[in-house]
Amino acid sequence: MEKDELREKWQKVEQLTKERFGEVLDVQDIIFVIGLQELGLPLKKTTKQQKVEIMHIGICTLLMPYGYYKFIGKDDEGWPHFENVQKLPALRPLEQEKLMKQAIIDYFGI
């Protein structure tokens, strides 16, 4: 995706989050919200460890279509688990952010 197209589509994601949550969310916040959605939990107070685990669910969910993760099932408590099937490339921070923004755009079908 070209830089201008990515910027335009990301602005649509920002507008969507502003409409839904009353403020523009950053990439990390959106990953957390996606993790919550995939887990089936409402937005509530969580521990730091739970937040990390929820964000892991969000990241795995976002990167599944790119072939990096595969969903392997849910545990007894309903938490989804994933298998890493392809090593993530070594990316610089800006490249990581671009990949995650693209994955979020794809997730929302924008």
N, C-alpha and C. Protein backbone atom coordinates (compact mmCIF):
# COMPACT_ATOMS: atom_id res chain seq x y z
N MET A 1 0.85 -1.17 0.00
CA MET A 1 0.00 0.00 0.00
C MET A 1 0.90 1.24 0.00
N GLU A 2 0.59 2.17 -0.85
CA GLU A 2 1.36 3.40 -0.96
C GLU A 2 1.17 4.27 0.28
N LYS A 3 2.14 5.12 0.52
CA LYS A 3 2.15 5.97 1.71
C LYS A 3 0.89 6.84 1.82
N ASP A 4 0.49 7.47 0.71
CA ASP A 4 -0.70 8.34 0.73
C ASP A 4 -1.97 7.52 0.97
N GLU A 5 -2.06 6.36 0.35
CA GLU A 5 -3.23 5.50 0.53
C GLU A 5 -3.31 5.02 1.98
N LEU A 6 -2.17 4.65 2.54
CA LEU A 6 -2.13 4.21 3.94
C LEU A 6 -2.59 5.34 4.85
N ARG A 7 -2.09 6.54 4.62
CA ARG A 7 -2.47 7.70 5.44
C ARG A 7 -3.97 7.97 5.35
N GLU A 8 -4.52 7.91 4.14
CA GLU A 8 -5.95 8.16 3.93
C GLU A 8 -6.80 7.10 4.64
N LYS A 9 -6.42 5.85 4.51
CA LYS A 9 -7.18 4.78 5.14
C LYS A 9 -7.02 4.81 6.66
N TRP A 10 -5.82 5.18 7.13
CA TRP A 10 -5.61 5.27 8.58
C TRP A 10 -6.48 6.38 9.17
N GLN A 11 -6.68 7.47 8.43
CA GLN A 11 -7.56 8.54 8.90
C GLN A 11 -8.99 8.03 9.06
N LYS A 12 -9.39 7.11 8.21
CA LYS A 12 -10.73 6.50 8.33
C LYS A 12 -10.80 5.64 9.59
N VAL A 13 -9.73 4.93 9.90
CA VAL A 13 -9.68 4.15 11.14
C VAL A 13 -9.78 5.09 12.34
N GLU A 14 -9.04 6.19 12.30
CA GLU A 14 -9.08 7.16 13.40
C GLU A 14 -10.49 7.72 13.57
N GLN A 15 -11.16 8.01 12.47
CA GLN A 15 -12.53 8.53 12.54
C GLN A 15 -13.47 7.47 13.14
N LEU A 16 -13.28 6.24 12.74
CA LEU A 16 -14.10 5.14 13.26
C LEU A 16 -13.92 5.00 14.77
N THR A 17 -12.68 5.05 15.24
CA THR A 17 -12.45 4.92 16.68
C THR A 17 -12.97 6.14 17.43
N LYS A 18 -12.89 7.30 16.82
CA LYS A 18 -13.42 8.50 17.48
C LYS A 18 -14.93 8.41 17.63
N GLU A 19 -15.60 7.92 16.59
CA GLU A 19 -17.05 7.76 16.66
C GLU A 19 -17.44 6.72 17.71
N ARG A 20 -16.68 5.66 17.79
CA ARG A 20 -17.01 4.54 18.69
C ARG A 20 -16.62 4.81 20.14
N PHE A 21 -15.46 5.45 20.36
CA PHE A 21 -14.93 5.61 21.71
C PHE A 21 -14.84 7.06 22.18
N GLY A 22 -15.21 8.01 21.31
CA GLY A 22 -15.19 9.40 21.72
C GLY A 22 -13.82 10.06 21.63
N GLU A 23 -12.83 9.31 21.17
CA GLU A 23 -11.50 9.86 20.99
C GLU A 23 -10.75 9.02 19.97
N VAL A 24 -9.72 9.61 19.39
CA VAL A 24 -8.89 8.89 18.43
C VAL A 24 -7.96 7.97 19.21
N LEU A 25 -7.94 6.69 18.83
CA LEU A 25 -7.07 5.72 19.49
C LEU A 25 -5.80 5.53 18.69
N ASP A 26 -4.70 5.27 19.39
CA ASP A 26 -3.45 4.98 18.69
C ASP A 26 -3.38 3.49 18.37
N VAL A 27 -2.31 3.09 17.71
CA VAL A 27 -2.16 1.70 17.26
C VAL A 27 -2.25 0.73 18.44
N GLN A 28 -1.54 1.04 19.53
CA GLN A 28 -1.54 0.14 20.69
C GLN A 28 -2.93 -0.01 21.29
N ASP A 29 -3.66 1.11 21.39
CA ASP A 29 -5.02 1.06 21.93
C ASP A 29 -5.93 0.21 21.04
N ILE A 30 -5.78 0.36 19.74
CA ILE A 30 -6.62 -0.40 18.81
C ILE A 30 -6.29 -1.89 18.89
N ILE A 31 -5.01 -2.23 19.02
CA ILE A 31 -4.63 -3.64 19.18
C ILE A 31 -5.28 -4.21 20.44
N PHE A 32 -5.28 -3.44 21.52
CA PHE A 32 -5.91 -3.87 22.77
C PHE A 32 -7.41 -4.09 22.58
N VAL A 33 -8.09 -3.16 21.91
CA VAL A 33 -9.53 -3.27 21.68
C VAL A 33 -9.84 -4.49 20.80
N ILE A 34 -9.02 -4.73 19.79
CA ILE A 34 -9.21 -5.91 18.94
C ILE A 34 -9.03 -7.19 19.77
N GLY A 35 -8.02 -7.20 20.64
CA GLY A 35 -7.83 -8.34 21.52
C GLY A 35 -9.03 -8.58 22.41
N LEU A 36 -9.57 -7.52 22.98
CA LEU A 36 -10.78 -7.65 23.80
C LEU A 36 -11.94 -8.21 22.99
N GLN A 37 -12.10 -7.68 21.78
CA GLN A 37 -13.20 -8.13 20.92
C GLN A 37 -13.05 -9.62 20.60
N GLU A 38 -11.85 -10.03 20.26
CA GLU A 38 -11.61 -11.43 19.91
C GLU A 38 -11.76 -12.34 21.12
N LEU A 39 -11.47 -11.81 22.30
CA LEU A 39 -11.62 -12.57 23.53
C LEU A 39 -13.07 -12.61 23.97
N GLY A 40 -13.84 -11.62 23.51
CA GLY A 40 -15.25 -11.56 23.87
C GLY A 40 -15.49 -10.90 25.21
N LEU A 41 -14.57 -10.03 25.62
CA LEU A 41 -14.71 -9.34 26.90
C LEU A 41 -15.11 -7.89 26.68
N PRO A 42 -15.91 -7.35 27.60
CA PRO A 42 -16.21 -5.92 27.53
C PRO A 42 -15.00 -5.12 28.01
N LEU A 43 -14.98 -3.86 27.66
CA LEU A 43 -13.91 -2.98 28.12
C LEU A 43 -14.04 -2.82 29.61
N LYS A 44 -13.02 -3.23 30.35
CA LYS A 44 -13.04 -3.14 31.81
C LYS A 44 -11.61 -3.00 32.32
N LYS A 45 -11.48 -2.76 33.59
CA LYS A 45 -10.16 -2.62 34.20
C LYS A 45 -9.45 -3.97 34.17
N THR A 46 -8.20 -3.95 33.73
CA THR A 46 -7.42 -5.19 33.63
C THR A 46 -6.06 -4.98 34.30
N THR A 47 -5.44 -6.08 34.68
CA THR A 47 -4.10 -6.01 35.23
C THR A 47 -3.12 -5.79 34.08
N LYS A 48 -1.90 -5.42 34.43
CA LYS A 48 -0.87 -5.21 33.41
C LYS A 48 -0.63 -6.50 32.63
N GLN A 49 -0.57 -7.64 33.33
CA GLN A 49 -0.34 -8.93 32.67
C GLN A 49 -1.50 -9.29 31.74
N GLN A 50 -2.74 -9.04 32.18
CA GLN A 50 -3.90 -9.31 31.32
C GLN A 50 -3.85 -8.42 30.08
N LYS A 51 -3.44 -7.17 30.26
CA LYS A 51 -3.36 -6.25 29.11
C LYS A 51 -2.36 -6.78 28.09
N VAL A 52 -1.22 -7.25 28.56
CA VAL A 52 -0.21 -7.81 27.66
C VAL A 52 -0.78 -9.01 26.91
N GLU A 53 -1.48 -9.89 27.62
CA GLU A 53 -2.07 -11.08 27.00
C GLU A 53 -3.16 -10.71 26.00
N ILE A 54 -3.96 -9.72 26.33
CA ILE A 54 -5.02 -9.27 25.43
C ILE A 54 -4.41 -8.65 24.17
N MET A 55 -3.35 -7.87 24.34
CA MET A 55 -2.68 -7.29 23.18
C MET A 55 -2.05 -8.37 22.31
N HIS A 56 -1.55 -9.43 22.94
CA HIS A 56 -0.99 -10.56 22.17
C HIS A 56 -2.08 -11.18 21.30
N ILE A 57 -3.28 -11.32 21.85
CA ILE A 57 -4.41 -11.85 21.07
C ILE A 57 -4.69 -10.93 19.89
N GLY A 58 -4.68 -9.62 20.14
CA GLY A 58 -4.92 -8.66 19.07
C GLY A 58 -3.87 -8.75 17.98
N ILE A 59 -2.61 -8.82 18.37
CA ILE A 59 -1.52 -8.91 17.40
C ILE A 59 -1.62 -10.20 16.59
N CYS A 60 -1.83 -11.32 17.25
CA CYS A 60 -1.94 -12.59 16.54
C CYS A 60 -3.11 -12.57 15.56
N THR A 61 -4.24 -12.02 16.00
CA THR A 61 -5.42 -11.92 15.15
C THR A 61 -5.12 -11.07 13.92
N LEU A 62 -4.45 -9.95 14.13
CA LEU A 62 -4.14 -9.05 13.02
C LEU A 62 -3.15 -9.65 12.04
N LEU A 63 -2.22 -10.46 12.54
CA LEU A 63 -1.17 -10.99 11.66
C LEU A 63 -1.49 -12.37 11.09
N MET A 64 -2.62 -12.97 11.49
CA MET A 64 -3.02 -14.26 10.92
C MET A 64 -3.18 -14.21 9.40
N PRO A 65 -3.87 -13.19 8.86
CA PRO A 65 -4.04 -13.15 7.40
C PRO A 65 -2.73 -13.03 6.63
N TYR A 66 -1.68 -12.60 7.30
CA TYR A 66 -0.38 -12.45 6.66
C TYR A 66 0.46 -13.72 6.79
N GLY A 67 -0.10 -14.74 7.43
CA GLY A 67 0.57 -16.02 7.53
C GLY A 67 1.56 -16.17 8.67
N TYR A 68 1.55 -15.24 9.61
CA TYR A 68 2.50 -15.32 10.72
C TYR A 68 1.97 -16.17 11.88
N TYR A 69 0.67 -16.20 12.05
CA TYR A 69 0.06 -16.96 13.14
C TYR A 69 -1.10 -17.79 12.63
N LYS A 70 -1.38 -18.86 13.38
CA LYS A 70 -2.52 -19.73 13.08
C LYS A 70 -3.29 -19.92 14.38
N PHE A 71 -4.60 -19.78 14.31
CA PHE A 71 -5.45 -20.01 15.47
C PHE A 71 -5.49 -21.50 15.75
N ILE A 72 -5.21 -21.90 17.00
CA ILE A 72 -5.20 -23.33 17.33
C ILE A 72 -6.33 -23.73 18.28
N GLY A 73 -7.08 -22.77 18.80
CA GLY A 73 -8.21 -23.09 19.64
C GLY A 73 -8.27 -22.23 20.89
N LYS A 74 -9.29 -22.51 21.69
CA LYS A 74 -9.49 -21.78 22.94
C LYS A 74 -9.27 -22.73 24.11
N ASP A 75 -8.79 -22.16 25.20
CA ASP A 75 -8.60 -22.97 26.40
C ASP A 75 -9.91 -23.07 27.17
N ASP A 76 -9.87 -23.69 28.33
CA ASP A 76 -11.08 -23.91 29.14
C ASP A 76 -11.74 -22.61 29.60
N GLU A 77 -10.94 -21.54 29.67
CA GLU A 77 -11.48 -20.25 30.10
C GLU A 77 -11.92 -19.38 28.92
N GLY A 78 -11.81 -19.91 27.71
CA GLY A 78 -12.24 -19.19 26.52
C GLY A 78 -11.19 -18.28 25.90
N TRP A 79 -9.95 -18.37 26.38
CA TRP A 79 -8.89 -17.55 25.82
C TRP A 79 -8.36 -18.20 24.55
N PRO A 80 -8.31 -17.45 23.44
CA PRO A 80 -7.79 -18.01 22.20
C PRO A 80 -6.27 -18.19 22.26
N HIS A 81 -5.80 -19.22 21.58
CA HIS A 81 -4.37 -19.48 21.50
C HIS A 81 -3.96 -19.61 20.04
N PHE A 82 -2.73 -19.20 19.78
CA PHE A 82 -2.21 -19.14 18.42
C PHE A 82 -0.86 -19.83 18.35
N GLU A 83 -0.54 -20.29 17.16
CA GLU A 83 0.77 -20.88 16.90
C GLU A 83 1.50 -19.96 15.93
N ASN A 84 2.74 -19.69 16.21
CA ASN A 84 3.56 -18.90 15.31
C ASN A 84 4.03 -19.83 14.19
N VAL A 85 3.59 -19.57 12.96
CA VAL A 85 3.91 -20.47 11.85
C VAL A 85 4.96 -19.89 10.90
N GLN A 86 5.22 -18.61 11.01
CA GLN A 86 6.23 -17.97 10.17
C GLN A 86 6.89 -16.89 11.00
N LYS A 87 8.21 -16.87 10.98
CA LYS A 87 8.96 -15.89 11.76
C LYS A 87 8.68 -14.49 11.22
N LEU A 88 8.43 -13.58 12.14
CA LEU A 88 8.24 -12.19 11.75
C LEU A 88 9.56 -11.62 11.25
N PRO A 89 9.53 -10.81 10.21
CA PRO A 89 10.78 -10.22 9.72
C PRO A 89 11.31 -9.19 10.72
N ALA A 90 12.59 -8.97 10.67
CA ALA A 90 13.20 -7.92 11.50
C ALA A 90 12.82 -6.58 10.89
N LEU A 91 12.01 -5.84 11.61
CA LEU A 91 11.54 -4.55 11.11
C LEU A 91 11.96 -3.44 12.06
N ARG A 92 12.24 -2.30 11.50
CA ARG A 92 12.50 -1.12 12.31
C ARG A 92 11.17 -0.63 12.87
N PRO A 93 11.19 0.18 13.92
CA PRO A 93 9.93 0.64 14.54
C PRO A 93 8.92 1.23 13.57
N LEU A 94 9.35 2.08 12.66
CA LEU A 94 8.40 2.66 11.71
C LEU A 94 7.82 1.61 10.76
N GLU A 95 8.61 0.62 10.41
CA GLU A 95 8.12 -0.47 9.56
C GLU A 95 7.11 -1.33 10.33
N GLN A 96 7.39 -1.56 11.61
CA GLN A 96 6.45 -2.31 12.45
C GLN A 96 5.11 -1.58 12.54
N GLU A 97 5.18 -0.27 12.75
CA GLU A 97 3.96 0.52 12.84
C GLU A 97 3.18 0.47 11.53
N LYS A 98 3.88 0.56 10.41
CA LYS A 98 3.23 0.50 9.10
C LYS A 98 2.53 -0.85 8.91
N LEU A 99 3.21 -1.95 9.28
CA LEU A 99 2.61 -3.28 9.17
C LEU A 99 1.36 -3.38 10.02
N MET A 100 1.43 -2.89 11.26
CA MET A 100 0.28 -2.99 12.15
C MET A 100 -0.87 -2.10 11.66
N LYS A 101 -0.55 -0.92 11.16
CA LYS A 101 -1.60 -0.06 10.61
C LYS A 101 -2.28 -0.74 9.43
N GLN A 102 -1.49 -1.33 8.54
CA GLN A 102 -2.05 -2.04 7.39
C GLN A 102 -2.95 -3.19 7.86
N ALA A 103 -2.49 -3.93 8.86
CA ALA A 103 -3.27 -5.06 9.38
C ALA A 103 -4.57 -4.58 10.02
N ILE A 104 -4.52 -3.46 10.72
CA ILE A 104 -5.73 -2.90 11.34
C ILE A 104 -6.70 -2.43 10.25
N ILE A 105 -6.18 -1.77 9.23
CA ILE A 105 -7.02 -1.34 8.11
C ILE A 105 -7.71 -2.55 7.48
N ASP A 106 -6.94 -3.61 7.25
CA ASP A 106 -7.51 -4.83 6.68
C ASP A 106 -8.55 -5.45 7.61
N TYR A 107 -8.27 -5.46 8.91
CA TYR A 107 -9.19 -6.03 9.91
C TYR A 107 -10.54 -5.34 9.84
N PHE A 108 -10.51 -4.00 9.72
CA PHE A 108 -11.76 -3.24 9.67
C PHE A 108 -12.36 -3.18 8.27
N GLY A 109 -11.65 -3.74 7.29
CA GLY A 109 -12.17 -3.77 5.92
C GLY A 109 -12.25 -2.40 5.27
N ILE A 110 -11.30 -1.56 5.60
CA ILE A 110 -11.32 -0.18 5.05
C ILE A 110 -10.50 -0.14 3.78
